[in-house]
Amino acid sequence: AFLVSYSVTVSGSYQVYIAVSGTPALGPIALTVYPWLPSSQNSMVAGLGASLAIAGESAQFRWRPRDQFGNLILKATFPTLPQFSFSPAGRIAAPSVASDGDGTIIATYLATVGGEYF
């Protein structure tokens, strides 16, 4: 018996073949690699609502989550949609999260009080 290990950093579908001294021994074996957890260094946030909102008006931003290797994390790999929180609490109403189907998460909220949030 042989122990083989490898590391895959690009998500996707692969075919694995095993050869001994150049002679095919086994395969193909289907291998699916999914992205890992979101990385703050590789994920992107876009939209005016990420940095500015007007009290009483709806604001929105988009989050494009990627893992530590830069792989896009699609909605299918999330068991549930992520939730966002704002600080200080109690000044944001009606936060909602949706997916546009291509891996982008859309966050919509309503700021009820002016000020700085983190």
N, C-alpha and C. Protein backbone atom coordinates (compact mmCIF):
# COMPACT_ATOMS: atom_id res chain seq x y z
N ALA A 1 0.84 -1.18 0.00
CA ALA A 1 0.00 0.00 0.00
C ALA A 1 0.88 1.24 0.00
N PHE A 2 0.44 2.25 -0.70
CA PHE A 2 1.15 3.51 -0.79
C PHE A 2 0.24 4.63 -0.28
N LEU A 3 0.83 5.59 0.37
CA LEU A 3 0.09 6.77 0.82
C LEU A 3 0.50 7.92 -0.08
N VAL A 4 -0.48 8.54 -0.71
CA VAL A 4 -0.23 9.66 -1.61
C VAL A 4 -0.93 10.88 -1.05
N SER A 5 -0.25 12.01 -1.03
CA SER A 5 -0.89 13.25 -0.61
C SER A 5 -0.60 14.33 -1.65
N TYR A 6 -1.50 15.28 -1.73
CA TYR A 6 -1.36 16.37 -2.68
C TYR A 6 -2.15 17.56 -2.16
N SER A 7 -1.90 18.71 -2.71
CA SER A 7 -2.60 19.91 -2.31
C SER A 7 -3.14 20.60 -3.57
N VAL A 8 -4.44 20.89 -3.55
CA VAL A 8 -5.08 21.56 -4.69
C VAL A 8 -5.51 22.94 -4.23
N THR A 9 -5.14 23.97 -4.98
CA THR A 9 -5.48 25.34 -4.59
C THR A 9 -6.49 26.00 -5.53
N VAL A 10 -6.84 25.32 -6.62
CA VAL A 10 -7.80 25.87 -7.58
C VAL A 10 -9.05 24.99 -7.56
N SER A 11 -10.19 25.60 -7.22
CA SER A 11 -11.43 24.82 -7.17
C SER A 11 -11.84 24.41 -8.58
N GLY A 12 -12.58 23.30 -8.66
CA GLY A 12 -13.05 22.83 -9.95
C GLY A 12 -13.17 21.31 -9.97
N SER A 13 -13.41 20.78 -11.14
CA SER A 13 -13.55 19.33 -11.33
C SER A 13 -12.26 18.79 -11.94
N TYR A 14 -11.80 17.67 -11.42
CA TYR A 14 -10.55 17.06 -11.88
C TYR A 14 -10.76 15.57 -12.13
N GLN A 15 -9.89 14.99 -12.94
CA GLN A 15 -9.79 13.56 -13.13
C GLN A 15 -8.43 13.13 -12.59
N VAL A 16 -8.42 12.19 -11.66
CA VAL A 16 -7.19 11.73 -11.04
C VAL A 16 -6.83 10.36 -11.63
N TYR A 17 -5.59 10.22 -12.05
CA TYR A 17 -5.07 8.96 -12.57
C TYR A 17 -3.89 8.53 -11.72
N ILE A 18 -3.74 7.24 -11.55
CA ILE A 18 -2.60 6.70 -10.80
C ILE A 18 -1.82 5.81 -11.74
N ALA A 19 -0.50 6.03 -11.78
CA ALA A 19 0.39 5.22 -12.62
C ALA A 19 1.55 4.72 -11.76
N VAL A 20 2.02 3.54 -12.07
CA VAL A 20 3.19 2.96 -11.40
C VAL A 20 4.26 2.76 -12.45
N SER A 21 5.39 3.43 -12.27
CA SER A 21 6.49 3.38 -13.23
C SER A 21 6.02 3.72 -14.64
N GLY A 22 5.09 4.69 -14.72
CA GLY A 22 4.60 5.14 -16.01
C GLY A 22 3.49 4.30 -16.61
N THR A 23 3.12 3.22 -15.94
CA THR A 23 2.06 2.35 -16.43
C THR A 23 0.77 2.68 -15.69
N PRO A 24 -0.32 3.00 -16.42
CA PRO A 24 -1.58 3.30 -15.76
C PRO A 24 -2.03 2.15 -14.86
N ALA A 25 -2.43 2.51 -13.63
CA ALA A 25 -2.87 1.50 -12.66
C ALA A 25 -4.31 1.71 -12.23
N LEU A 26 -4.75 2.96 -12.22
CA LEU A 26 -6.10 3.24 -11.77
C LEU A 26 -6.53 4.60 -12.31
N GLY A 27 -7.80 4.71 -12.63
CA GLY A 27 -8.32 6.00 -13.03
C GLY A 27 -9.14 5.90 -14.28
N PRO A 28 -9.85 6.91 -14.62
CA PRO A 28 -9.87 8.17 -13.86
C PRO A 28 -10.80 8.10 -12.66
N ILE A 29 -10.44 8.87 -11.63
CA ILE A 29 -11.26 9.04 -10.44
C ILE A 29 -11.72 10.50 -10.45
N ALA A 30 -13.02 10.72 -10.35
CA ALA A 30 -13.56 12.09 -10.37
C ALA A 30 -13.28 12.75 -9.02
N LEU A 31 -12.76 13.96 -9.07
CA LEU A 31 -12.46 14.73 -7.86
C LEU A 31 -13.04 16.13 -8.03
N THR A 32 -13.85 16.56 -7.09
CA THR A 32 -14.39 17.91 -7.10
C THR A 32 -13.79 18.67 -5.93
N VAL A 33 -13.20 19.82 -6.21
CA VAL A 33 -12.58 20.66 -5.19
C VAL A 33 -13.41 21.93 -5.04
N TYR A 34 -13.89 22.18 -3.82
CA TYR A 34 -14.69 23.36 -3.53
C TYR A 34 -13.82 24.43 -2.86
N PRO A 35 -14.19 25.70 -3.01
CA PRO A 35 -13.47 26.76 -2.31
C PRO A 35 -13.57 26.57 -0.80
N TRP A 36 -12.64 27.15 -0.07
CA TRP A 36 -12.63 27.08 1.37
C TRP A 36 -13.38 28.28 1.93
N LEU A 37 -13.16 28.62 3.17
CA LEU A 37 -13.86 29.73 3.82
C LEU A 37 -13.48 31.07 3.21
N PRO A 38 -14.37 32.06 3.31
CA PRO A 38 -14.05 33.39 2.76
C PRO A 38 -12.82 34.01 3.42
N SER A 39 -12.04 34.69 2.62
CA SER A 39 -10.84 35.39 3.09
C SER A 39 -11.07 36.89 2.93
N SER A 40 -10.84 37.64 4.00
CA SER A 40 -11.03 39.09 3.91
C SER A 40 -10.01 39.73 2.98
N GLN A 41 -8.84 39.14 2.81
CA GLN A 41 -7.82 39.70 1.92
C GLN A 41 -8.20 39.54 0.45
N ASN A 42 -8.94 38.49 0.11
CA ASN A 42 -9.25 38.21 -1.30
C ASN A 42 -10.67 38.55 -1.71
N SER A 43 -11.56 38.74 -0.75
CA SER A 43 -12.95 39.07 -1.07
C SER A 43 -13.06 40.55 -1.42
N MET A 44 -14.10 40.89 -2.18
CA MET A 44 -14.27 42.28 -2.60
C MET A 44 -15.64 42.81 -2.18
N VAL A 45 -15.66 44.06 -1.77
CA VAL A 45 -16.91 44.75 -1.45
C VAL A 45 -17.03 45.93 -2.39
N ALA A 46 -18.21 46.12 -2.97
CA ALA A 46 -18.42 47.22 -3.90
C ALA A 46 -19.80 47.81 -3.68
N GLY A 47 -19.96 49.03 -4.07
CA GLY A 47 -21.25 49.71 -3.97
C GLY A 47 -21.20 50.85 -2.98
N LEU A 48 -21.95 51.88 -3.27
CA LEU A 48 -21.97 53.07 -2.44
C LEU A 48 -22.37 52.78 -1.00
N GLY A 49 -23.29 51.83 -0.79
CA GLY A 49 -23.76 51.50 0.54
C GLY A 49 -22.71 50.88 1.45
N ALA A 50 -21.53 50.54 0.90
CA ALA A 50 -20.45 50.02 1.72
C ALA A 50 -19.77 51.13 2.51
N SER A 51 -19.92 52.37 2.05
CA SER A 51 -19.24 53.48 2.74
C SER A 51 -20.12 54.69 3.01
N LEU A 52 -21.34 54.71 2.44
CA LEU A 52 -22.19 55.87 2.61
C LEU A 52 -23.66 55.48 2.57
N ALA A 53 -24.44 56.06 3.47
CA ALA A 53 -25.89 55.85 3.47
C ALA A 53 -26.54 57.15 3.93
N ILE A 54 -27.78 57.35 3.56
CA ILE A 54 -28.56 58.51 3.99
C ILE A 54 -29.66 57.99 4.90
N ALA A 55 -29.75 58.57 6.11
CA ALA A 55 -30.76 58.13 7.07
C ALA A 55 -32.14 58.16 6.44
N GLY A 56 -32.87 57.06 6.57
CA GLY A 56 -34.21 56.98 6.03
C GLY A 56 -34.31 56.46 4.61
N GLU A 57 -33.16 56.25 3.95
CA GLU A 57 -33.16 55.73 2.58
C GLU A 57 -32.44 54.39 2.54
N SER A 58 -32.91 53.52 1.68
CA SER A 58 -32.32 52.20 1.52
C SER A 58 -30.92 52.32 0.92
N ALA A 59 -29.98 51.50 1.41
CA ALA A 59 -28.61 51.48 0.89
C ALA A 59 -28.25 50.03 0.57
N GLN A 60 -27.30 49.86 -0.32
CA GLN A 60 -26.94 48.52 -0.76
C GLN A 60 -25.46 48.43 -1.08
N PHE A 61 -24.89 47.24 -0.82
CA PHE A 61 -23.55 46.95 -1.28
C PHE A 61 -23.48 45.48 -1.68
N ARG A 62 -22.44 45.15 -2.44
CA ARG A 62 -22.24 43.77 -2.91
C ARG A 62 -20.95 43.22 -2.34
N TRP A 63 -20.99 41.96 -1.97
CA TRP A 63 -19.83 41.26 -1.43
C TRP A 63 -19.53 40.08 -2.33
N ARG A 64 -18.33 40.02 -2.84
CA ARG A 64 -17.90 38.92 -3.72
C ARG A 64 -16.89 38.08 -2.93
N PRO A 65 -17.37 37.01 -2.24
CA PRO A 65 -16.47 36.23 -1.38
C PRO A 65 -15.53 35.32 -2.17
N ARG A 66 -14.27 35.35 -1.78
CA ARG A 66 -13.25 34.45 -2.35
C ARG A 66 -12.47 33.82 -1.21
N ASP A 67 -11.94 32.63 -1.45
CA ASP A 67 -11.17 31.94 -0.41
C ASP A 67 -9.73 32.43 -0.40
N GLN A 68 -8.90 31.80 0.43
CA GLN A 68 -7.51 32.24 0.57
C GLN A 68 -6.69 32.09 -0.71
N PHE A 69 -7.17 31.29 -1.66
CA PHE A 69 -6.47 31.10 -2.92
C PHE A 69 -7.07 31.92 -4.05
N GLY A 70 -8.10 32.71 -3.75
CA GLY A 70 -8.73 33.55 -4.75
C GLY A 70 -9.88 32.90 -5.49
N ASN A 71 -10.29 31.69 -5.08
CA ASN A 71 -11.42 31.01 -5.73
C ASN A 71 -12.72 31.68 -5.32
N LEU A 72 -13.58 31.96 -6.30
CA LEU A 72 -14.89 32.54 -6.03
C LEU A 72 -15.75 31.53 -5.29
N ILE A 73 -16.37 31.96 -4.20
CA ILE A 73 -17.25 31.08 -3.43
C ILE A 73 -18.67 31.30 -3.91
N LEU A 74 -19.22 30.31 -4.56
CA LEU A 74 -20.57 30.41 -5.10
C LEU A 74 -21.60 30.13 -4.02
N LYS A 75 -22.81 30.59 -4.22
CA LYS A 75 -23.89 30.39 -3.25
C LYS A 75 -24.06 28.92 -2.92
N ALA A 76 -23.86 28.04 -3.88
CA ALA A 76 -24.07 26.61 -3.66
C ALA A 76 -23.15 26.05 -2.58
N THR A 77 -22.01 26.71 -2.32
CA THR A 77 -21.10 26.19 -1.31
C THR A 77 -21.39 26.75 0.07
N PHE A 78 -22.30 27.74 0.17
CA PHE A 78 -22.74 28.25 1.47
C PHE A 78 -23.94 27.44 1.92
N PRO A 79 -23.92 26.87 3.14
CA PRO A 79 -25.12 26.17 3.61
C PRO A 79 -26.29 27.14 3.79
N THR A 80 -26.02 28.35 4.20
CA THR A 80 -27.02 29.42 4.29
C THR A 80 -26.34 30.71 3.87
N LEU A 81 -27.13 31.71 3.53
CA LEU A 81 -26.54 33.00 3.17
C LEU A 81 -25.92 33.64 4.40
N PRO A 82 -24.80 34.34 4.25
CA PRO A 82 -24.18 35.01 5.39
C PRO A 82 -25.06 36.14 5.91
N GLN A 83 -24.81 36.53 7.15
CA GLN A 83 -25.51 37.67 7.73
C GLN A 83 -24.49 38.76 8.04
N PHE A 84 -24.93 39.99 7.97
CA PHE A 84 -24.06 41.13 8.25
C PHE A 84 -24.54 41.81 9.51
N SER A 85 -23.61 42.37 10.27
CA SER A 85 -23.99 43.14 11.45
C SER A 85 -23.35 44.51 11.37
N PHE A 86 -23.95 45.46 12.04
CA PHE A 86 -23.47 46.83 12.02
C PHE A 86 -23.27 47.29 13.46
N SER A 87 -22.33 48.18 13.65
CA SER A 87 -22.07 48.71 14.98
C SER A 87 -22.02 50.24 14.88
N PRO A 88 -22.65 50.99 15.77
CA PRO A 88 -23.40 50.52 16.94
C PRO A 88 -24.74 49.89 16.55
N ALA A 89 -25.16 48.93 17.32
CA ALA A 89 -26.40 48.20 17.05
C ALA A 89 -27.61 49.10 17.25
N GLY A 90 -28.72 48.74 16.62
CA GLY A 90 -29.97 49.47 16.79
C GLY A 90 -30.17 50.65 15.89
N ARG A 91 -29.18 50.97 15.07
CA ARG A 91 -29.31 52.13 14.17
C ARG A 91 -29.53 51.72 12.72
N ILE A 92 -29.62 50.44 12.49
CA ILE A 92 -29.85 49.92 11.15
C ILE A 92 -31.13 49.11 11.17
N ALA A 93 -32.02 49.37 10.25
CA ALA A 93 -33.30 48.66 10.17
C ALA A 93 -33.36 47.86 8.88
N ALA A 94 -34.13 46.82 8.91
CA ALA A 94 -34.45 46.00 7.73
C ALA A 94 -33.23 45.50 6.97
N PRO A 95 -32.22 44.94 7.67
CA PRO A 95 -31.10 44.38 6.89
C PRO A 95 -31.57 43.11 6.17
N SER A 96 -31.18 42.96 4.92
CA SER A 96 -31.52 41.75 4.18
C SER A 96 -30.33 41.34 3.33
N VAL A 97 -30.24 40.04 3.07
CA VAL A 97 -29.14 39.50 2.28
C VAL A 97 -29.74 38.59 1.21
N ALA A 98 -29.24 38.72 -0.01
CA ALA A 98 -29.69 37.88 -1.11
C ALA A 98 -28.48 37.52 -1.97
N SER A 99 -28.67 36.57 -2.85
CA SER A 99 -27.61 36.19 -3.78
C SER A 99 -28.10 36.46 -5.19
N ASP A 100 -27.19 36.93 -6.04
CA ASP A 100 -27.61 37.16 -7.43
C ASP A 100 -27.37 35.92 -8.29
N GLY A 101 -26.94 34.83 -7.67
CA GLY A 101 -26.78 33.57 -8.38
C GLY A 101 -25.40 33.30 -8.95
N ASP A 102 -24.55 34.32 -9.05
CA ASP A 102 -23.21 34.10 -9.60
C ASP A 102 -22.12 34.15 -8.53
N GLY A 103 -22.53 34.11 -7.27
CA GLY A 103 -21.55 34.15 -6.18
C GLY A 103 -21.51 35.48 -5.47
N THR A 104 -22.17 36.49 -6.00
CA THR A 104 -22.19 37.80 -5.36
C THR A 104 -23.32 37.86 -4.34
N ILE A 105 -23.01 38.32 -3.14
CA ILE A 105 -23.99 38.49 -2.08
C ILE A 105 -24.39 39.96 -2.06
N ILE A 106 -25.69 40.23 -2.04
CA ILE A 106 -26.21 41.60 -2.05
C ILE A 106 -26.79 41.90 -0.67
N ALA A 107 -26.26 42.91 -0.01
CA ALA A 107 -26.76 43.33 1.31
C ALA A 107 -27.48 44.66 1.16
N THR A 108 -28.69 44.72 1.68
CA THR A 108 -29.49 45.94 1.65
C THR A 108 -29.88 46.29 3.08
N TYR A 109 -29.86 47.56 3.41
CA TYR A 109 -30.20 47.99 4.77
C TYR A 109 -30.75 49.41 4.75
N LEU A 110 -31.28 49.81 5.89
CA LEU A 110 -31.83 51.15 6.05
C LEU A 110 -31.19 51.76 7.30
N ALA A 111 -30.42 52.82 7.12
CA ALA A 111 -29.85 53.52 8.27
C ALA A 111 -30.93 54.44 8.85
N THR A 112 -31.16 54.35 10.15
CA THR A 112 -32.21 55.15 10.77
C THR A 112 -31.67 56.37 11.51
N VAL A 113 -30.37 56.39 11.77
CA VAL A 113 -29.74 57.50 12.49
C VAL A 113 -28.43 57.83 11.79
N GLY A 114 -28.15 59.11 11.60
CA GLY A 114 -26.89 59.52 11.00
C GLY A 114 -25.74 59.27 11.94
N GLY A 115 -24.54 59.13 11.42
CA GLY A 115 -23.34 58.92 12.23
C GLY A 115 -22.39 57.95 11.56
N GLU A 116 -21.28 57.64 12.27
CA GLU A 116 -20.31 56.70 11.74
C GLU A 116 -20.61 55.31 12.27
N TYR A 117 -20.49 54.32 11.37
CA TYR A 117 -20.70 52.92 11.71
C TYR A 117 -19.46 52.14 11.34
N PHE A 118 -19.23 51.05 12.04
CA PHE A 118 -18.03 50.25 11.78
C PHE A 118 -18.40 48.80 11.58
